[in-house]
Amino acid sequence: MTNFATTKALTFDLFGTILDLGGSLTPFIAESLDARSADISADNFWEQWRYRQRIEQYQDTITMLGHSGYLETVRRALHYTLRRNGIDASSETVQAFMRGWQQLSPFPEVLAALSQLQSRYQLVVLSNGDPSFLDYLVTERVVWDFDDVISVTSVGAFKPHPAVYRGAAGKLGLEVNECLMVSANSFDIMGARACGYKGAFVNRYELPYEDTPYQPDVTVRDFTTLADALL
């Protein structure tokens, strides 16, 4: 079992790890789909939208034409998903679907676990989100006073670009092996581990991990079991 005695900071993914994206967004998606008599379930639409957003983020980083920002990749992915399902991607429709992103809420066990973990570690958000959006979400939706909130915009690339993880460690004044990435996204753990971080895979969605040498140091099902593993 991995020894976490040298770990000083936990860097947390926000979207899908701390914040329940599907649970928060699908009611808004369902309402918008019903208003347009669309023949697709909210769950299926969300799955397509989220998958396409990942592609938009990867393309953004690989082309190196200028970092577009998180919400812009969300919008682009939505535009694609609407058209894929034969729904008019008008400005009004896009705004209706995007409205839910202002109402994201954390998973129910997150705050109690953070309260336990803060006694031993620095707790830091390391997210693909835009700085102003992260400030709003952390302050108004998660309502937790993290030790730092770091956006990938500081390096101009989305995770899992190595500059994200190395840059965050540098900003915190730590070595990479003193940081542990906590994420429900396996690509995020893979990227962090490749840079020398430890990794905790919060497998909320019961998905397989990447086929890679960079395996997580610990796999848990939620933040309650995360705290149990790290304390």
Protein backbone atom coordinates (compact mmCIF):
# COMPACT_ATOMS: atom_id res chain seq x y z
CA MET A 1 0.00 0.00 0.00
CA THR A 2 1.29 3.48 -0.90
CA ASN A 3 2.64 5.58 1.95
CA PHE A 4 1.28 9.13 1.85
CA ALA A 5 3.54 10.46 4.62
CA THR A 6 5.46 12.74 2.21
CA THR A 7 2.31 14.10 0.57
CA LYS A 8 1.70 17.75 1.45
CA ALA A 9 -1.00 18.90 -0.97
CA LEU A 10 -4.08 17.33 -2.50
CA THR A 11 -4.96 18.88 -5.85
CA PHE A 12 -8.60 18.29 -6.70
CA ASP A 13 -10.31 18.14 -10.03
CA LEU A 14 -13.57 20.09 -9.81
CA PHE A 15 -15.84 19.07 -12.68
CA GLY A 16 -17.20 15.57 -12.09
CA THR A 17 -15.04 14.96 -9.02
CA ILE A 18 -16.20 17.58 -6.51
CA LEU A 19 -19.14 18.86 -8.57
CA ASP A 20 -21.86 16.46 -9.69
CA LEU A 21 -22.13 17.45 -13.34
CA GLY A 22 -24.66 14.86 -14.47
CA GLY A 23 -26.87 15.20 -11.42
CA SER A 24 -26.81 18.99 -11.66
CA LEU A 25 -27.22 19.38 -15.41
CA THR A 26 -29.62 16.66 -16.54
CA PRO A 27 -32.73 18.40 -15.09
CA PHE A 28 -31.91 21.50 -17.14
CA ILE A 29 -31.15 19.37 -20.18
CA ALA A 30 -34.44 17.49 -19.82
CA GLU A 31 -36.39 20.73 -19.57
CA SER A 32 -34.73 22.14 -22.69
CA LEU A 33 -35.17 18.91 -24.65
CA ASP A 34 -38.86 18.69 -23.71
CA ALA A 35 -39.42 22.28 -24.80
CA ARG A 36 -38.09 21.35 -28.23
CA SER A 37 -39.80 17.96 -28.47
CA ALA A 38 -36.41 16.33 -28.98
CA ASP A 39 -36.31 12.53 -29.35
CA ILE A 40 -33.38 11.82 -27.03
CA SER A 41 -33.13 11.29 -23.27
CA ALA A 42 -31.39 13.82 -21.05
CA ASP A 43 -28.90 11.17 -19.90
CA ASN A 44 -27.98 10.22 -23.46
CA PHE A 45 -27.67 13.86 -24.52
CA TRP A 46 -25.42 14.61 -21.53
CA GLU A 47 -23.20 11.62 -22.29
CA GLN A 48 -22.72 12.84 -25.88
CA TRP A 49 -22.14 16.43 -24.76
CA ARG A 50 -19.54 15.49 -22.17
CA TYR A 51 -17.70 13.18 -24.56
CA ARG A 52 -17.59 15.87 -27.23
CA GLN A 53 -16.31 18.43 -24.74
CA ARG A 54 -13.28 16.25 -24.06
CA ILE A 55 -12.55 16.18 -27.80
CA GLU A 56 -12.87 19.97 -27.94
CA GLN A 57 -10.38 20.31 -25.08
CA TYR A 58 -7.86 17.96 -26.67
CA GLN A 59 -8.16 19.74 -30.02
CA ASP A 60 -7.73 23.09 -28.31
CA THR A 61 -4.47 21.98 -26.69
CA ILE A 62 -3.06 20.08 -29.66
CA THR A 63 -3.62 22.81 -32.27
CA MET A 64 -2.01 25.46 -30.03
CA LEU A 65 -4.02 28.24 -31.66
CA GLY A 66 -4.73 29.94 -28.36
CA HIS A 67 -6.40 28.55 -25.25
CA SER A 68 -10.17 28.96 -25.71
CA GLY A 69 -11.25 28.44 -22.11
CA TYR A 70 -13.41 25.83 -20.45
CA LEU A 71 -16.86 27.29 -21.03
CA GLU A 72 -16.06 27.91 -24.68
CA THR A 73 -15.27 24.22 -25.16
CA VAL A 74 -18.54 23.43 -23.37
CA ARG A 75 -20.39 25.71 -25.79
CA ARG A 76 -18.68 24.24 -28.86
CA ALA A 77 -19.45 20.72 -27.69
CA LEU A 78 -23.08 21.68 -27.09
CA HIS A 79 -23.35 23.19 -30.57
CA TYR A 80 -22.05 19.93 -32.06
CA THR A 81 -24.33 17.74 -29.91
CA LEU A 82 -27.43 19.77 -30.77
CA ARG A 83 -26.76 19.44 -34.49
CA ARG A 84 -25.93 15.76 -34.13
CA ASN A 85 -29.42 15.23 -32.73
CA GLY A 86 -31.21 17.41 -35.26
CA ILE A 87 -31.88 20.26 -32.83
CA ASP A 88 -31.53 23.84 -34.05
CA ALA A 89 -28.38 25.28 -32.45
CA SER A 90 -29.71 28.82 -32.22
CA SER A 91 -28.31 31.32 -29.73
CA GLU A 92 -31.47 31.03 -27.61
CA THR A 93 -31.22 27.23 -27.53
CA VAL A 94 -27.54 27.29 -26.60
CA GLN A 95 -28.24 29.74 -23.77
CA ALA A 96 -31.06 27.53 -22.47
CA PHE A 97 -28.82 24.46 -22.27
CA MET A 98 -25.86 26.40 -20.83
CA ARG A 99 -27.93 27.88 -17.99
CA GLY A 100 -27.46 24.78 -15.86
CA TRP A 101 -23.71 25.34 -15.60
CA GLN A 102 -24.39 28.16 -13.13
CA GLN A 103 -26.23 25.73 -10.83
CA LEU A 104 -23.64 22.99 -10.37
CA SER A 105 -23.64 21.39 -6.92
CA PRO A 106 -21.10 19.22 -5.09
CA PHE A 107 -21.59 15.55 -4.36
CA PRO A 108 -23.22 15.20 -0.90
CA GLU A 109 -20.24 13.70 0.94
CA VAL A 110 -17.60 16.15 -0.29
CA LEU A 111 -17.65 18.83 2.41
CA ALA A 112 -17.48 16.41 5.33
CA ALA A 113 -14.47 14.69 3.76
CA LEU A 114 -12.71 18.00 3.07
CA SER A 115 -13.17 18.92 6.73
CA GLN A 116 -11.31 15.76 7.70
CA LEU A 117 -8.55 16.10 5.10
CA GLN A 118 -7.70 19.73 5.88
CA SER A 119 -6.14 18.68 9.18
CA ARG A 120 -3.26 17.00 7.34
CA TYR A 121 -3.01 18.42 3.80
CA GLN A 122 -3.16 21.61 1.79
CA LEU A 123 -6.38 21.39 -0.21
CA VAL A 124 -6.13 22.90 -3.68
CA VAL A 125 -8.43 23.02 -6.70
CA LEU A 126 -6.56 22.28 -9.95
CA SER A 127 -9.11 22.65 -12.71
CA ASN A 128 -9.65 23.12 -16.43
CA GLY A 129 -12.15 25.87 -15.53
CA ASP A 130 -11.74 29.55 -16.28
CA PRO A 131 -10.57 31.62 -13.26
CA SER A 132 -13.72 33.72 -12.85
CA PHE A 133 -15.95 30.67 -13.23
CA LEU A 134 -13.87 28.75 -10.68
CA ASP A 135 -14.12 31.61 -8.21
CA TYR A 136 -17.90 31.60 -8.56
CA LEU A 137 -18.21 27.83 -8.24
CA VAL A 138 -15.88 27.50 -5.25
CA THR A 139 -17.42 30.46 -3.42
CA GLU A 140 -21.09 30.11 -4.29
CA ARG A 141 -21.64 26.43 -5.15
CA VAL A 142 -19.06 24.37 -3.25
CA VAL A 143 -18.77 26.98 -0.50
CA TRP A 144 -15.37 25.86 0.73
CA ASP A 145 -12.25 27.88 1.52
CA PHE A 146 -9.52 26.02 -0.39
CA ASP A 147 -5.86 26.85 0.20
CA ASP A 148 -5.55 27.75 -3.47
CA VAL A 149 -7.58 27.59 -6.69
CA ILE A 150 -5.44 27.04 -9.79
CA SER A 151 -6.78 27.28 -13.33
CA VAL A 152 -5.07 25.71 -16.34
CA THR A 153 -5.34 29.08 -18.08
CA SER A 154 -2.10 29.95 -16.30
CA VAL A 155 -0.29 27.55 -18.67
CA GLY A 156 -2.66 27.83 -21.65
CA ALA A 157 -3.44 24.13 -22.02
CA PHE A 158 -6.03 21.68 -20.73
CA LYS A 159 -5.28 18.67 -18.56
CA PRO A 160 -3.58 16.24 -18.99
CA HIS A 161 -0.86 18.52 -20.43
CA PRO A 162 2.22 18.12 -18.20
CA ALA A 163 2.64 21.88 -17.79
CA VAL A 164 -0.58 21.91 -15.76
CA TYR A 165 0.71 19.59 -13.05
CA ARG A 166 4.28 20.86 -12.98
CA GLY A 167 3.07 24.44 -12.94
CA ALA A 168 0.71 23.79 -10.04
CA ALA A 169 3.45 22.16 -7.96
CA GLY A 170 5.71 25.12 -8.66
CA LYS A 171 3.01 27.61 -7.67
CA LEU A 172 2.54 25.75 -4.40
CA GLY A 173 6.30 25.70 -3.76
CA LEU A 174 6.33 21.91 -3.72
CA GLU A 175 8.04 19.07 -5.53
CA VAL A 176 5.76 17.06 -7.78
CA ASN A 177 6.15 13.99 -5.55
CA GLU A 178 4.72 16.00 -2.64
CA CYS A 179 1.42 16.46 -4.52
CA LEU A 180 -1.43 14.02 -4.97
CA MET A 181 -4.02 14.48 -7.73
CA VAL A 182 -7.59 13.57 -6.80
CA SER A 183 -9.86 13.05 -9.79
CA ALA A 184 -12.79 11.05 -11.10
CA ASN A 185 -11.28 11.37 -14.59
CA SER A 186 -8.73 8.64 -15.25
CA PHE A 187 -6.88 10.70 -17.89
CA ASP A 188 -6.28 13.32 -15.19
CA ILE A 189 -4.71 10.81 -12.82
CA MET A 190 -2.64 9.38 -15.69
CA GLY A 191 -1.31 12.84 -16.59
CA ALA A 192 -0.48 13.71 -13.00
CA ARG A 193 1.21 10.37 -12.33
CA ALA A 194 3.33 10.76 -15.48
CA CYS A 195 4.59 14.04 -14.01
CA GLY A 196 5.57 12.51 -10.67
CA TYR A 197 2.42 13.14 -8.62
CA LYS A 198 0.71 10.48 -6.60
CA GLY A 199 -2.85 9.84 -7.72
CA ALA A 200 -6.20 9.00 -6.14
CA PHE A 201 -8.79 7.81 -8.65
CA VAL A 202 -12.30 8.53 -7.38
CA ASN A 203 -14.16 6.01 -9.50
CA ARG A 204 -17.62 7.52 -9.08
CA TYR A 205 -18.83 6.23 -12.43
CA GLU A 206 -17.51 2.65 -12.26
CA LEU A 207 -15.46 3.11 -15.40
CA PRO A 208 -12.26 1.29 -16.40
CA TYR A 209 -8.93 3.02 -15.88
CA GLU A 210 -6.55 3.90 -18.72
CA ASP A 211 -4.32 1.15 -20.14
CA THR A 212 -1.09 2.83 -19.04
CA PRO A 213 1.88 2.29 -16.73
CA TYR A 214 0.76 5.37 -14.77
CA GLN A 215 -1.72 3.73 -12.46
CA PRO A 216 -3.36 5.39 -9.43
CA ASP A 217 -1.84 4.89 -5.99
CA VAL A 218 -5.31 4.37 -4.59
CA THR A 219 -8.78 3.88 -6.06
CA VAL A 220 -11.86 4.83 -4.04
CA ARG A 221 -15.57 5.14 -4.79
CA ASP A 222 -16.22 8.58 -3.21
CA PHE A 223 -14.74 11.21 -0.89
CA THR A 224 -15.70 9.33 2.27
CA THR A 225 -13.51 6.40 1.27
CA LEU A 226 -10.88 8.88 0.01
CA ALA A 227 -10.55 10.35 3.50
CA ASP A 228 -10.35 6.88 4.99
CA ALA A 229 -7.51 5.97 2.61
CA LEU A 230 -5.47 9.15 3.10
CA LEU A 231 -5.74 9.67 6.86
